[in-house]
Structures are given as structure tokens and as C-alpha cells.
């Protein structure tokens, strides 16, 4: 039996469309989404505006949180 996915309470602080030029003369609109989740500092993810949907945003934020939680901070005394 598969383990149920953990749920994360997320607050989206801002969504902003930003025009970038990945190639000379080629404009691309990217959606920048800044969010915060309990126990984590704010973070901004981005995706193409044409590909954005609320479900894709939620999936991208979940994946980002899970990757961040895998990382272990390094501590030492100097």
C-alpha cells in the first residue's frame, strides 16, 4: 500500500510575469511565483506563462519543497 503524500501549507506571496529574451529578438514571458511554506524561507520558482496552470503551479511547488527538504544543512564550529 502506498504511503499518502504529505501535505504542505503554502502561501503564495506574489505572482509576476517577467519578459525575458533567451535569444536575441525572441521574447519569452515567464511567470515567477514566490511562496513560503512552514519551516522554510521564501522561494521563487518560475515557469513559462503559456504553460502555467494552478495545478502545474501546485505540482512545481510540491516538487520544489520536497527537493529542499532532502537537502541537509551543514554545521560545524570554527
C-alpha atoms as a PDB file:
ATOM      1  CA  UNK A   1       0.000   0.000   0.000  1.00  0.00           C
ATOM      2  CA  UNK A   2       1.433   3.353  -0.976  1.00  0.00           C
ATOM      3  CA  UNK A   3       2.148   5.985   1.607  1.00  0.00           C
ATOM      4  CA  UNK A   4      -0.137   9.049   1.330  1.00  0.00           C
ATOM      5  CA  UNK A   5       1.615  12.189   0.127  1.00  0.00           C
ATOM      6  CA  UNK A   6       2.461  14.671   2.815  1.00  0.00           C
ATOM      7  CA  UNK A   7       0.582  17.944   2.579  1.00  0.00           C
ATOM      8  CA  UNK A   8       2.310  21.316   2.888  1.00  0.00           C
ATOM      9  CA  UNK A   9       0.618  24.584   3.801  1.00  0.00           C
ATOM     10  CA  UNK A  10       1.851  27.124   1.278  1.00  0.00           C
ATOM     11  CA  UNK A  11       1.251  30.847   0.995  1.00  0.00           C
ATOM     12  CA  UNK A  12       1.845  32.383  -2.420  1.00  0.00           C
ATOM     13  CA  UNK A  13       3.320  35.802  -1.744  1.00  0.00           C
ATOM     14  CA  UNK A  14       3.463  37.012  -5.332  1.00  0.00           C
ATOM     15  CA  UNK A  15       2.938  36.016  -8.950  1.00  0.00           C
ATOM     16  CA  UNK A  16       4.660  38.168 -11.523  1.00  0.00           C
ATOM     17  CA  UNK A  17       5.021  37.919 -15.296  1.00  0.00           C
ATOM     18  CA  UNK A  18       8.514  38.821 -16.483  1.00  0.00           C
ATOM     19  CA  UNK A  19       9.591  39.115 -20.094  1.00  0.00           C
ATOM     20  CA  UNK A  20      12.992  37.587 -20.821  1.00  0.00           C
ATOM     21  CA  UNK A  21      14.970  37.244 -24.025  1.00  0.00           C
ATOM     22  CA  UNK A  22      16.615  33.798 -24.107  1.00  0.00           C
ATOM     23  CA  UNK A  23      17.748  34.524 -27.677  1.00  0.00           C
ATOM     24  CA  UNK A  24      18.315  37.830 -29.374  1.00  0.00           C
ATOM     25  CA  UNK A  25      14.950  39.125 -30.593  1.00  0.00           C
ATOM     26  CA  UNK A  26      12.984  36.232 -29.057  1.00  0.00           C
ATOM     27  CA  UNK A  27      10.798  37.305 -26.155  1.00  0.00           C
ATOM     28  CA  UNK A  28       9.541  34.797 -23.632  1.00  0.00           C
ATOM     29  CA  UNK A  29       7.129  35.543 -20.791  1.00  0.00           C
ATOM     30  CA  UNK A  30       7.872  33.651 -17.609  1.00  0.00           C
ATOM     31  CA  UNK A  31       5.682  33.548 -14.531  1.00  0.00           C
ATOM     32  CA  UNK A  32       7.636  33.956 -11.291  1.00  0.00           C
ATOM     33  CA  UNK A  33       5.840  32.581  -8.238  1.00  0.00           C
ATOM     34  CA  UNK A  34       7.162  33.451  -4.791  1.00  0.00           C
ATOM     35  CA  UNK A  35       5.884  31.244  -1.996  1.00  0.00           C
ATOM     36  CA  UNK A  36       6.605  30.375   1.603  1.00  0.00           C
ATOM     37  CA  UNK A  37       5.971  27.099   3.428  1.00  0.00           C
ATOM     38  CA  UNK A  38       6.175  26.375   7.148  1.00  0.00           C
ATOM     39  CA  UNK A  39       9.763  25.994   8.315  1.00  0.00           C
ATOM     40  CA  UNK A  40      11.259  27.145   5.022  1.00  0.00           C
ATOM     41  CA  UNK A  41      12.359  30.591   3.852  1.00  0.00           C
ATOM     42  CA  UNK A  42      10.542  32.201   0.899  1.00  0.00           C
ATOM     43  CA  UNK A  43      11.477  30.909  -2.535  1.00  0.00           C
ATOM     44  CA  UNK A  44      10.675  31.836  -6.120  1.00  0.00           C
ATOM     45  CA  UNK A  45      10.021  29.284  -8.828  1.00  0.00           C
ATOM     46  CA  UNK A  46       9.350  30.053 -12.464  1.00  0.00           C
ATOM     47  CA  UNK A  47       7.631  28.556 -15.472  1.00  0.00           C
ATOM     48  CA  UNK A  48       6.604  29.667 -18.909  1.00  0.00           C
ATOM     49  CA  UNK A  49       3.429  31.724 -18.771  1.00  0.00           C
ATOM     50  CA  UNK A  50       1.921  29.710 -21.649  1.00  0.00           C
ATOM     51  CA  UNK A  51       2.392  26.512 -19.637  1.00  0.00           C
ATOM     52  CA  UNK A  52       1.106  27.899 -16.319  1.00  0.00           C
ATOM     53  CA  UNK A  53      -1.987  26.499 -14.625  1.00  0.00           C
ATOM     54  CA  UNK A  54      -2.844  26.389 -10.949  1.00  0.00           C
ATOM     55  CA  UNK A  55      -2.393  22.610 -10.907  1.00  0.00           C
ATOM     56  CA  UNK A  56       1.051  22.856 -12.558  1.00  0.00           C
ATOM     57  CA  UNK A  57       1.997  25.579 -10.079  1.00  0.00           C
ATOM     58  CA  UNK A  58       0.989  23.370  -7.145  1.00  0.00           C
ATOM     59  CA  UNK A  59       2.939  20.432  -8.573  1.00  0.00           C
ATOM     60  CA  UNK A  60       6.033  22.579  -9.148  1.00  0.00           C
ATOM     61  CA  UNK A  61       5.860  23.986  -5.601  1.00  0.00           C
ATOM     62  CA  UNK A  62       5.409  20.487  -4.114  1.00  0.00           C
ATOM     63  CA  UNK A  63       8.417  19.189  -6.085  1.00  0.00           C
ATOM     64  CA  UNK A  64      10.481  22.211  -5.015  1.00  0.00           C
ATOM     65  CA  UNK A  65       9.592  21.743  -1.336  1.00  0.00           C
ATOM     66  CA  UNK A  66      10.416  18.032  -1.450  1.00  0.00           C
ATOM     67  CA  UNK A  67      13.800  18.744  -3.059  1.00  0.00           C
ATOM     68  CA  UNK A  68      14.534  21.405  -0.437  1.00  0.00           C
ATOM     69  CA  UNK A  69      13.645  19.050   2.409  1.00  0.00           C
ATOM     70  CA  UNK A  70      16.075  16.417   1.085  1.00  0.00           C
ATOM     71  CA  UNK A  71      18.994  18.828   1.497  1.00  0.00           C
ATOM     72  CA  UNK A  72      20.696  18.711   4.859  1.00  0.00           C
ATOM     73  CA  UNK A  73      22.379  21.854   6.137  1.00  0.00           C
ATOM     74  CA  UNK A  74      26.000  21.540   7.138  1.00  0.00           C
ATOM     75  CA  UNK A  75      27.005  22.666  10.629  1.00  0.00           C
ATOM     76  CA  UNK A  76      30.425  22.993  12.168  1.00  0.00           C
ATOM     77  CA  UNK A  77      32.317  25.010  14.761  1.00  0.00           C
ATOM     78  CA  UNK A  78      35.040  27.436  13.774  1.00  0.00           C
END
